[in-house]
Amino acid sequence: MLETWKQLPKYWVTLIRSSAIGCWMGITPGGATAASFMGYGIAKKFSRRGTVRHGEIEGVIAPETAAHASGTSALLPMLALGIPGSATAAVLLGG
């Protein structure tokens, strides 16, 4: 587990890129699933090796970061406009 934490700073560009994708997909009603696929696709496209191979941490970082950013940023249109951006935000708005 410590080896994984040591490798994370190498992928800061992937983290920021996937966060931006996830935020965009969260604000627009795209959802976490679409953000995950888009984050993974962009990570494959911009990978240093040209592709993300089996077992590489970059292939895990990109979709997970995008999905989590999407879920969090789905609350923005709910708080600003009263329009939920995801099913979870709709439940929170209903409560």
PDB file of N, CA and C in Angstrom:
ATOM      1  N   MET A   1       0.809  -1.181   0.000  1.00  0.00           N
ATOM      2  CA  MET A   1       0.000   0.000   0.000  1.00  0.00           C
ATOM      3  C   MET A   1       0.863   1.260   0.000  1.00  0.00           C
ATOM      4  N   LEU A   2       1.956   1.221   0.707  1.00  0.00           N
ATOM      5  CA  LEU A   2       2.852   2.382   0.732  1.00  0.00           C
ATOM      6  C   LEU A   2       3.485   2.624  -0.631  1.00  0.00           C
ATOM      7  N   GLU A   3       3.746   1.557  -1.385  1.00  0.00           N
ATOM      8  CA  GLU A   3       4.300   1.720  -2.725  1.00  0.00           C
ATOM      9  C   GLU A   3       3.327   2.471  -3.635  1.00  0.00           C
ATOM     10  N   THR A   4       2.050   2.186  -3.475  1.00  0.00           N
ATOM     11  CA  THR A   4       1.034   2.878  -4.272  1.00  0.00           C
ATOM     12  C   THR A   4       1.005   4.353  -3.919  1.00  0.00           C
ATOM     13  N   TRP A   5       1.060   4.682  -2.650  1.00  0.00           N
ATOM     14  CA  TRP A   5       1.048   6.085  -2.229  1.00  0.00           C
ATOM     15  C   TRP A   5       2.291   6.815  -2.722  1.00  0.00           C
ATOM     16  N   LYS A   6       3.410   6.107  -2.833  1.00  0.00           N
ATOM     17  CA  LYS A   6       4.630   6.731  -3.337  1.00  0.00           C
ATOM     18  C   LYS A   6       4.527   7.041  -4.829  1.00  0.00           C
ATOM     19  N   GLN A   7       3.740   6.260  -5.562  1.00  0.00           N
ATOM     20  CA  GLN A   7       3.617   6.458  -7.009  1.00  0.00           C
ATOM     21  C   GLN A   7       2.629   7.566  -7.377  1.00  0.00           C
ATOM     22  N   LEU A   8       1.731   7.936  -6.499  1.00  0.00           N
ATOM     23  CA  LEU A   8       0.684   8.900  -6.831  1.00  0.00           C
ATOM     24  C   LEU A   8       1.182  10.265  -7.313  1.00  0.00           C
ATOM     25  N   PRO A   9       2.234  10.853  -6.730  1.00  0.00           N
ATOM     26  CA  PRO A   9       2.666  12.163  -7.230  1.00  0.00           C
ATOM     27  C   PRO A   9       3.100  12.162  -8.698  1.00  0.00           C
ATOM     28  N   LYS A  10       3.489  11.006  -9.233  1.00  0.00           N
ATOM     29  CA  LYS A  10       3.877  10.947 -10.639  1.00  0.00           C
ATOM     30  C   LYS A  10       2.698  11.208 -11.565  1.00  0.00           C
ATOM     31  N   TYR A  11       1.486  10.975 -11.096  1.00  0.00           N
ATOM     32  CA  TYR A  11       0.303  11.066 -11.939  1.00  0.00           C
ATOM     33  C   TYR A  11      -0.549  12.292 -11.608  1.00  0.00           C
ATOM     34  N   TRP A  12       0.076  13.385 -11.224  1.00  0.00           N
ATOM     35  CA  TRP A  12      -0.686  14.569 -10.849  1.00  0.00           C
ATOM     36  C   TRP A  12      -1.419  15.170 -12.041  1.00  0.00           C
ATOM     37  N   VAL A  13      -0.871  15.058 -13.231  1.00  0.00           N
ATOM     38  CA  VAL A  13      -1.550  15.590 -14.414  1.00  0.00           C
ATOM     39  C   VAL A  13      -2.813  14.785 -14.696  1.00  0.00           C
ATOM     40  N   THR A  14      -2.728  13.476 -14.552  1.00  0.00           N
ATOM     41  CA  THR A  14      -3.899  12.614 -14.751  1.00  0.00           C
ATOM     42  C   THR A  14      -4.972  12.926 -13.723  1.00  0.00           C
ATOM     43  N   LEU A  15      -4.570  13.171 -12.494  1.00  0.00           N
ATOM     44  CA  LEU A  15      -5.526  13.515 -11.444  1.00  0.00           C
ATOM     45  C   LEU A  15      -6.260  14.810 -11.759  1.00  0.00           C
ATOM     46  N   ILE A  16      -5.537  15.823 -12.176  1.00  0.00           N
ATOM     47  CA  ILE A  16      -6.174  17.108 -12.473  1.00  0.00           C
ATOM     48  C   ILE A  16      -7.059  17.005 -13.709  1.00  0.00           C
ATOM     49  N   ARG A  17      -6.574  16.307 -14.732  1.00  0.00           N
ATOM     50  CA  ARG A  17      -7.367  16.152 -15.953  1.00  0.00           C
ATOM     51  C   ARG A  17      -8.659  15.389 -15.681  1.00  0.00           C
ATOM     52  N   SER A  18      -8.579  14.319 -14.937  1.00  0.00           N
ATOM     53  CA  SER A  18      -9.768  13.528 -14.626  1.00  0.00           C
ATOM     54  C   SER A  18     -10.711  14.268 -13.686  1.00  0.00           C
ATOM     55  N   SER A  19     -10.164  15.073 -12.797  1.00  0.00           N
ATOM     56  CA  SER A  19     -11.016  15.889 -11.928  1.00  0.00           C
ATOM     57  C   SER A  19     -11.811  16.902 -12.728  1.00  0.00           C
ATOM     58  N   ALA A  20     -11.163  17.512 -13.707  1.00  0.00           N
ATOM     59  CA  ALA A  20     -11.861  18.487 -14.551  1.00  0.00           C
ATOM     60  C   ALA A  20     -12.957  17.807 -15.370  1.00  0.00           C
ATOM     61  N   ILE A  21     -12.669  16.637 -15.902  1.00  0.00           N
ATOM     62  CA  ILE A  21     -13.678  15.888 -16.654  1.00  0.00           C
ATOM     63  C   ILE A  21     -14.842  15.526 -15.749  1.00  0.00           C
ATOM     64  N   GLY A  22     -14.545  15.049 -14.559  1.00  0.00           N
ATOM     65  CA  GLY A  22     -15.596  14.672 -13.622  1.00  0.00           C
ATOM     66  C   GLY A  22     -16.438  15.853 -13.184  1.00  0.00           C
ATOM     67  N   CYS A  23     -15.797  16.993 -12.965  1.00  0.00           N
ATOM     68  CA  CYS A  23     -16.566  18.189 -12.589  1.00  0.00           C
ATOM     69  C   CYS A  23     -17.501  18.610 -13.711  1.00  0.00           C
ATOM     70  N   TRP A  24     -17.013  18.565 -14.933  1.00  0.00           N
ATOM     71  CA  TRP A  24     -17.860  18.941 -16.056  1.00  0.00           C
ATOM     72  C   TRP A  24     -19.034  17.981 -16.206  1.00  0.00           C
ATOM     73  N   MET A  25     -18.774  16.685 -16.068  1.00  0.00           N
ATOM     74  CA  MET A  25     -19.840  15.699 -16.221  1.00  0.00           C
ATOM     75  C   MET A  25     -20.789  15.721 -15.030  1.00  0.00           C
ATOM     76  N   GLY A  26     -20.346  16.212 -13.896  1.00  0.00           N
ATOM     77  CA  GLY A  26     -21.227  16.325 -12.739  1.00  0.00           C
ATOM     78  C   GLY A  26     -22.150  17.527 -12.826  1.00  0.00           C
ATOM     79  N   ILE A  27     -21.615  18.626 -13.327  1.00  0.00           N
ATOM     80  CA  ILE A  27     -22.433  19.829 -13.454  1.00  0.00           C
ATOM     81  C   ILE A  27     -23.478  19.642 -14.543  1.00  0.00           C
ATOM     82  N   THR A  28     -23.051  19.130 -15.691  1.00  0.00           N
ATOM     83  CA  THR A  28     -24.023  18.758 -16.719  1.00  0.00           C
ATOM     84  C   THR A  28     -24.541  17.376 -16.328  1.00  0.00           C
ATOM     85  N   PRO A  29     -25.773  17.050 -16.608  1.00  0.00           N
ATOM     86  CA  PRO A  29     -26.286  15.762 -16.128  1.00  0.00           C
ATOM     87  C   PRO A  29     -25.730  14.574 -16.913  1.00  0.00           C
ATOM     88  N   GLY A  30     -24.446  14.325 -16.752  1.00  0.00           N
ATOM     89  CA  GLY A  30     -23.809  13.208 -17.441  1.00  0.00           C
ATOM     90  C   GLY A  30     -23.718  11.978 -16.569  1.00  0.00           C
ATOM     91  N   GLY A  31     -23.432  12.177 -15.308  1.00  0.00           N
ATOM     92  CA  GLY A  31     -23.366  11.065 -14.382  1.00  0.00           C
ATOM     93  C   GLY A  31     -21.962  10.537 -14.178  1.00  0.00           C
ATOM     94  N   ALA A  32     -21.820   9.734 -13.134  1.00  0.00           N
ATOM     95  CA  ALA A  32     -20.517   9.197 -12.765  1.00  0.00           C
ATOM     96  C   ALA A  32     -20.036   8.125 -13.735  1.00  0.00           C
ATOM     97  N   THR A  33     -20.954   7.362 -14.297  1.00  0.00           N
ATOM     98  CA  THR A  33     -20.548   6.304 -15.225  1.00  0.00           C
ATOM     99  C   THR A  33     -19.951   6.903 -16.489  1.00  0.00           C
ATOM    100  N   ALA A  34     -20.601   7.893 -17.038  1.00  0.00           N
ATOM    101  CA  ALA A  34     -20.069   8.552 -18.231  1.00  0.00           C
ATOM    102  C   ALA A  34     -18.741   9.233 -17.930  1.00  0.00           C
ATOM    103  N   ALA A  35     -18.621   9.817 -16.754  1.00  0.00           N
ATOM    104  CA  ALA A  35     -17.362  10.458 -16.369  1.00  0.00           C
ATOM    105  C   ALA A  35     -16.242   9.438 -16.244  1.00  0.00           C
ATOM    106  N   SER A  36     -16.553   8.257 -15.717  1.00  0.00           N
ATOM    107  CA  SER A  36     -15.538   7.210 -15.593  1.00  0.00           C
ATOM    108  C   SER A  36     -15.021   6.769 -16.952  1.00  0.00           C
ATOM    109  N   PHE A  37     -15.937   6.517 -17.871  1.00  0.00           N
ATOM    110  CA  PHE A  37     -15.518   6.083 -19.202  1.00  0.00           C
ATOM    111  C   PHE A  37     -14.746   7.181 -19.925  1.00  0.00           C
ATOM    112  N   MET A  38     -15.182   8.418 -19.780  1.00  0.00           N
ATOM    113  CA  MET A  38     -14.485   9.516 -20.431  1.00  0.00           C
ATOM    114  C   MET A  38     -13.099   9.726 -19.812  1.00  0.00           C
ATOM    115  N   GLY A  39     -13.010   9.639 -18.492  1.00  0.00           N
ATOM    116  CA  GLY A  39     -11.713   9.783 -17.833  1.00  0.00           C
ATOM    117  C   GLY A  39     -10.735   8.701 -18.241  1.00  0.00           C
ATOM    118  N   TYR A  40     -11.214   7.469 -18.353  1.00  0.00           N
ATOM    119  CA  TYR A  40     -10.348   6.361 -18.766  1.00  0.00           C
ATOM    120  C   TYR A  40      -9.913   6.527 -20.219  1.00  0.00           C
ATOM    121  N   GLY A  41     -10.844   6.939 -21.065  1.00  0.00           N
ATOM    122  CA  GLY A  41     -10.499   7.131 -22.471  1.00  0.00           C
ATOM    123  C   GLY A  41      -9.463   8.229 -22.671  1.00  0.00           C
ATOM    124  N   ILE A  42      -9.618   9.314 -21.952  1.00  0.00           N
ATOM    125  CA  ILE A  42      -8.646  10.409 -22.056  1.00  0.00           C
ATOM    126  C   ILE A  42      -7.307   9.992 -21.468  1.00  0.00           C
ATOM    127  N   ALA A  43      -7.319   9.202 -20.402  1.00  0.00           N
ATOM    128  CA  ALA A  43      -6.060   8.724 -19.812  1.00  0.00           C
ATOM    129  C   ALA A  43      -5.328   7.808 -20.785  1.00  0.00           C
ATOM    130  N   LYS A  44      -6.053   6.971 -21.497  1.00  0.00           N
ATOM    131  CA  LYS A  44      -5.430   6.114 -22.506  1.00  0.00           C
ATOM    132  C   LYS A  44      -4.836   6.949 -23.632  1.00  0.00           C
ATOM    133  N   LYS A  45      -5.547   7.995 -24.020  1.00  0.00           N
ATOM    134  CA  LYS A  45      -5.091   8.829 -25.133  1.00  0.00           C
ATOM    135  C   LYS A  45      -3.829   9.611 -24.783  1.00  0.00           C
ATOM    136  N   PHE A  46      -3.750  10.130 -23.569  1.00  0.00           N
ATOM    137  CA  PHE A  46      -2.633  10.969 -23.168  1.00  0.00           C
ATOM    138  C   PHE A  46      -1.582  10.232 -22.338  1.00  0.00           C
ATOM    139  N   SER A  47      -1.629   8.919 -22.313  1.00  0.00           N
ATOM    140  CA  SER A  47      -0.670   8.143 -21.529  1.00  0.00           C
ATOM    141  C   SER A  47       0.741   8.305 -22.091  1.00  0.00           C
ATOM    142  N   ARG A  48       1.724   8.197 -21.230  1.00  0.00           N
ATOM    143  CA  ARG A  48       3.118   8.333 -21.645  1.00  0.00           C
ATOM    144  C   ARG A  48       3.520   7.223 -22.606  1.00  0.00           C
ATOM    145  N   ARG A  49       2.972   6.039 -22.413  1.00  0.00           N
ATOM    146  CA  ARG A  49       3.312   4.894 -23.253  1.00  0.00           C
ATOM    147  C   ARG A  49       2.402   4.758 -24.470  1.00  0.00           C
ATOM    148  N   GLY A  50       1.408   5.599 -24.572  1.00  0.00           N
ATOM    149  CA  GLY A  50       0.492   5.516 -25.691  1.00  0.00           C
ATOM    150  C   GLY A  50      -0.761   4.720 -25.389  1.00  0.00           C
ATOM    151  N   THR A  51      -0.731   3.934 -24.348  1.00  0.00           N
ATOM    152  CA  THR A  51      -1.900   3.160 -23.931  1.00  0.00           C
ATOM    153  C   THR A  51      -1.781   2.839 -22.448  1.00  0.00           C
ATOM    154  N   VAL A  52      -2.883   2.485 -21.836  1.00  0.00           N
ATOM    155  CA  VAL A  52      -2.877   2.064 -20.436  1.00  0.00           C
ATOM    156  C   VAL A  52      -2.947   0.546 -20.432  1.00  0.00           C
ATOM    157  N   ARG A  53      -1.901  -0.075 -19.960  1.00  0.00           N
ATOM    158  CA  ARG A  53      -1.828  -1.535 -19.954  1.00  0.00           C
ATOM    159  C   ARG A  53      -2.469  -2.117 -18.708  1.00  0.00           C
ATOM    160  N   HIS A  54      -2.623  -3.419 -18.732  1.00  0.00           N
ATOM    161  CA  HIS A  54      -3.224  -4.141 -17.607  1.00  0.00           C
ATOM    162  C   HIS A  54      -2.376  -3.968 -16.351  1.00  0.00           C
ATOM    163  N   GLY A  55      -3.009  -3.555 -15.270  1.00  0.00           N
ATOM    164  CA  GLY A  55      -2.343  -3.449 -13.986  1.00  0.00           C
ATOM    165  C   GLY A  55      -1.675  -2.120 -13.706  1.00  0.00           C
ATOM    166  N   GLU A  56      -1.766  -1.166 -14.606  1.00  0.00           N
ATOM    167  CA  GLU A  56      -1.149   0.124 -14.358  1.00  0.00           C
ATOM    168  C   GLU A  56      -2.055   0.996 -13.501  1.00  0.00           C
ATOM    169  N   ILE A  57      -1.439   1.731 -12.622  1.00  0.00           N
ATOM    170  CA  ILE A  57      -2.210   2.542 -11.676  1.00  0.00           C
ATOM    171  C   ILE A  57      -2.911   3.709 -12.365  1.00  0.00           C
ATOM    172  N   GLU A  58      -2.379   4.161 -13.490  1.00  0.00           N
ATOM    173  CA  GLU A  58      -3.006   5.265 -14.220  1.00  0.00           C
ATOM    174  C   GLU A  58      -4.401   4.880 -14.720  1.00  0.00           C
ATOM    175  N   GLY A  59      -4.587   3.615 -15.041  1.00  0.00           N
ATOM    176  CA  GLY A  59      -5.892   3.141 -15.480  1.00  0.00           C
ATOM    177  C   GLY A  59      -6.905   3.045 -14.364  1.00  0.00           C
ATOM    178  N   VAL A  60      -6.457   3.120 -13.141  1.00  0.00           N
ATOM    179  CA  VAL A  60      -7.363   3.111 -11.985  1.00  0.00           C
ATOM    180  C   VAL A  60      -7.600   4.537 -11.490  1.00  0.00           C
ATOM    181  N   ILE A  61      -6.553   5.335 -11.503  1.00  0.00           N
ATOM    182  CA  ILE A  61      -6.653   6.701 -10.996  1.00  0.00           C
ATOM    183  C   ILE A  61      -7.639   7.522 -11.811  1.00  0.00           C
ATOM    184  N   ALA A  62      -7.548   7.443 -13.129  1.00  0.00           N
ATOM    185  CA  ALA A  62      -8.353   8.312 -13.997  1.00  0.00           C
ATOM    186  C   ALA A  62      -9.858   8.091 -13.838  1.00  0.00           C
ATOM    187  N   PRO A  63     -10.383   6.871 -13.983  1.00  0.00           N
ATOM    188  CA  PRO A  63     -11.838   6.741 -13.861  1.00  0.00           C
ATOM    189  C   PRO A  63     -12.361   6.966 -12.447  1.00  0.00           C
ATOM    190  N   GLU A  64     -11.604   6.581 -11.442  1.00  0.00           N
ATOM    191  CA  GLU A  64     -12.066   6.779 -10.072  1.00  0.00           C
ATOM    192  C   GLU A  64     -12.097   8.255  -9.706  1.00  0.00           C
ATOM    193  N   THR A  65     -11.078   8.992 -10.126  1.00  0.00           N
ATOM    194  CA  THR A  65     -11.064  10.425  -9.856  1.00  0.00           C
ATOM    195  C   THR A  65     -12.217  11.119 -10.558  1.00  0.00           C
ATOM    196  N   ALA A  66     -12.463  10.748 -11.809  1.00  0.00           N
ATOM    197  CA  ALA A  66     -13.560  11.365 -12.562  1.00  0.00           C
ATOM    198  C   ALA A  66     -14.915  11.040 -11.934  1.00  0.00           C
ATOM    199  N   ALA A  67     -15.095   9.806 -11.492  1.00  0.00           N
ATOM    200  CA  ALA A  67     -16.378   9.418 -10.896  1.00  0.00           C
ATOM    201  C   ALA A  67     -16.627  10.152  -9.582  1.00  0.00           C
ATOM    202  N   HIS A  68     -15.617  10.267  -8.757  1.00  0.00           N
ATOM    203  CA  HIS A  68     -15.787  10.950  -7.479  1.00  0.00           C
ATOM    204  C   HIS A  68     -15.984  12.455  -7.664  1.00  0.00           C
ATOM    205  N   ALA A  69     -15.284  13.039  -8.618  1.00  0.00           N
ATOM    206  CA  ALA A  69     -15.483  14.461  -8.886  1.00  0.00           C
ATOM    207  C   ALA A  69     -16.867  14.721  -9.457  1.00  0.00           C
ATOM    208  N   SER A  70     -17.370  13.795 -10.239  1.00  0.00           N
ATOM    209  CA  SER A  70     -18.713  13.935 -10.810  1.00  0.00           C
ATOM    210  C   SER A  70     -19.778  13.901  -9.721  1.00  0.00           C
ATOM    211  N   GLY A  71     -19.640  12.989  -8.804  1.00  0.00           N
ATOM    212  CA  GLY A  71     -20.620  12.885  -7.725  1.00  0.00           C
ATOM    213  C   GLY A  71     -20.641  14.099  -6.831  1.00  0.00           C
ATOM    214  N   THR A  72     -19.485  14.649  -6.563  1.00  0.00           N
ATOM    215  CA  THR A  72     -19.401  15.830  -5.715  1.00  0.00           C
ATOM    216  C   THR A  72     -19.906  17.079  -6.425  1.00  0.00           C
ATOM    217  N   SER A  73     -19.524  17.236  -7.688  1.00  0.00           N
ATOM    218  CA  SER A  73     -19.922  18.453  -8.394  1.00  0.00           C
ATOM    219  C   SER A  73     -21.376  18.416  -8.855  1.00  0.00           C
ATOM    220  N   ALA A  74     -22.044  17.281  -8.740  1.00  0.00           N
ATOM    221  CA  ALA A  74     -23.477  17.222  -9.058  1.00  0.00           C
ATOM    222  C   ALA A  74     -24.297  18.024  -8.049  1.00  0.00           C
ATOM    223  N   LEU A  75     -23.694  18.340  -6.922  1.00  0.00           N
ATOM    224  CA  LEU A  75     -24.387  19.152  -5.925  1.00  0.00           C
ATOM    225  C   LEU A  75     -24.400  20.634  -6.292  1.00  0.00           C
ATOM    226  N   LEU A  76     -23.514  21.071  -7.170  1.00  0.00           N
ATOM    227  CA  LEU A  76     -23.445  22.491  -7.532  1.00  0.00           C
ATOM    228  C   LEU A  76     -24.728  23.013  -8.179  1.00  0.00           C
ATOM    229  N   PRO A  77     -25.271  22.358  -9.218  1.00  0.00           N
ATOM    230  CA  PRO A  77     -26.522  22.894  -9.771  1.00  0.00           C
ATOM    231  C   PRO A  77     -27.693  22.780  -8.796  1.00  0.00           C
ATOM    232  N   MET A  78     -27.617  21.806  -7.898  1.00  0.00           N
ATOM    233  CA  MET A  78     -28.693  21.674  -6.914  1.00  0.00           C
ATOM    234  C   MET A  78     -28.675  22.859  -5.938  1.00  0.00           C
ATOM    235  N   LEU A  79     -27.508  23.213  -5.477  1.00  0.00           N
ATOM    236  CA  LEU A  79     -27.420  24.317  -4.524  1.00  0.00           C
ATOM    237  C   LEU A  79     -27.638  25.667  -5.191  1.00  0.00           C
ATOM    238  N   ALA A  80     -27.187  25.829  -6.420  1.00  0.00           N
ATOM    239  CA  ALA A  80     -27.301  27.121  -7.086  1.00  0.00           C
ATOM    240  C   ALA A  80     -28.668  27.336  -7.731  1.00  0.00           C
ATOM    241  N   LEU A  81     -29.208  26.295  -8.368  1.00  0.00           N
ATOM    242  CA  LEU A  81     -30.423  26.459  -9.155  1.00  0.00           C
ATOM    243  C   LEU A  81     -31.615  25.644  -8.654  1.00  0.00           C
ATOM    244  N   GLY A  82     -31.357  24.724  -7.759  1.00  0.00           N
ATOM    245  CA  GLY A  82     -32.436  23.856  -7.294  1.00  0.00           C
ATOM    246  C   GLY A  82     -32.731  22.716  -8.246  1.00  0.00           C
ATOM    247  N   ILE A  83     -31.813  22.444  -9.161  1.00  0.00           N
ATOM    248  CA  ILE A  83     -31.962  21.362 -10.133  1.00  0.00           C
ATOM    249  C   ILE A  83     -30.928  20.281  -9.790  1.00  0.00           C
ATOM    250  N   PRO A  84     -31.362  19.109  -9.381  1.00  0.00           N
ATOM    251  CA  PRO A  84     -30.390  18.066  -9.022  1.00  0.00           C
ATOM    252  C   PRO A  84     -29.650  17.540 -10.242  1.00  0.00           C
ATOM    253  N   GLY A  85     -28.354  17.338 -10.089  1.00  0.00           N
ATOM    254  CA  GLY A  85     -27.542  16.833 -11.187  1.00  0.00           C
ATOM    255  C   GLY A  85     -27.379  15.332 -11.194  1.00  0.00           C
ATOM    256  N   SER A  86     -27.854  14.649 -10.160  1.00  0.00           N
ATOM    257  CA  SER A  86     -27.759  13.197 -10.099  1.00  0.00           C
ATOM    258  C   SER A  86     -28.889  12.682  -9.213  1.00  0.00           C
ATOM    259  N   ALA A  87     -29.028  11.367  -9.173  1.00  0.00           N
ATOM    260  CA  ALA A  87     -30.064  10.770  -8.352  1.00  0.00           C
ATOM    261  C   ALA A  87     -29.786  11.014  -6.871  1.00  0.00           C
ATOM    262  N   THR A  88     -28.545  10.974  -6.474  1.00  0.00           N
ATOM    263  CA  THR A  88     -28.195  11.244  -5.081  1.00  0.00           C
ATOM    264  C   THR A  88     -28.526  12.676  -4.689  1.00  0.00           C
ATOM    265  N   ALA A  89     -28.246  13.612  -5.590  1.00  0.00           N
ATOM    266  CA  ALA A  89     -28.587  15.009  -5.324  1.00  0.00           C
ATOM    267  C   ALA A  89     -30.089  15.198  -5.243  1.00  0.00           C
ATOM    268  N   ALA A  90     -30.847  14.442  -6.029  1.00  0.00           N
ATOM    269  CA  ALA A  90     -32.306  14.534  -5.975  1.00  0.00           C
ATOM    270  C   ALA A  90     -32.834  14.057  -4.640  1.00  0.00           C
ATOM    271  N   VAL A  91     -32.241  12.986  -4.112  1.00  0.00           N
ATOM    272  CA  VAL A  91     -32.644  12.493  -2.793  1.00  0.00           C
ATOM    273  C   VAL A  91     -32.316  13.532  -1.729  1.00  0.00           C
ATOM    274  N   LEU A  92     -31.141  14.143  -1.822  1.00  0.00           N
ATOM    275  CA  LEU A  92     -30.776  15.181  -0.864  1.00  0.00           C
ATOM    276  C   LEU A  92     -31.699  16.389  -0.968  1.00  0.00           C
ATOM    277  N   LEU A  93     -32.091  16.747  -2.182  1.00  0.00           N
ATOM    278  CA  LEU A  93     -32.996  17.856  -2.374  1.00  0.00           C
ATOM    279  C   LEU A  93     -34.383  17.529  -1.809  1.00  0.00           C
ATOM    280  N   GLY A  94     -34.813  16.306  -1.964  1.00  0.00           N
ATOM    281  CA  GLY A  94     -36.094  15.883  -1.429  1.00  0.00           C
ATOM    282  C   GLY A  94     -36.119  15.902   0.092  1.00  0.00           C
ATOM    283  N   GLY A  95     -34.965  15.594   0.703  1.00  0.00           N
ATOM    284  CA  GLY A  95     -34.870  15.616   2.169  1.00  0.00           C
ATOM    285  C   GLY A  95     -34.858  17.005   2.689  1.00  0.00           C
TER     286      GLY A  95
END
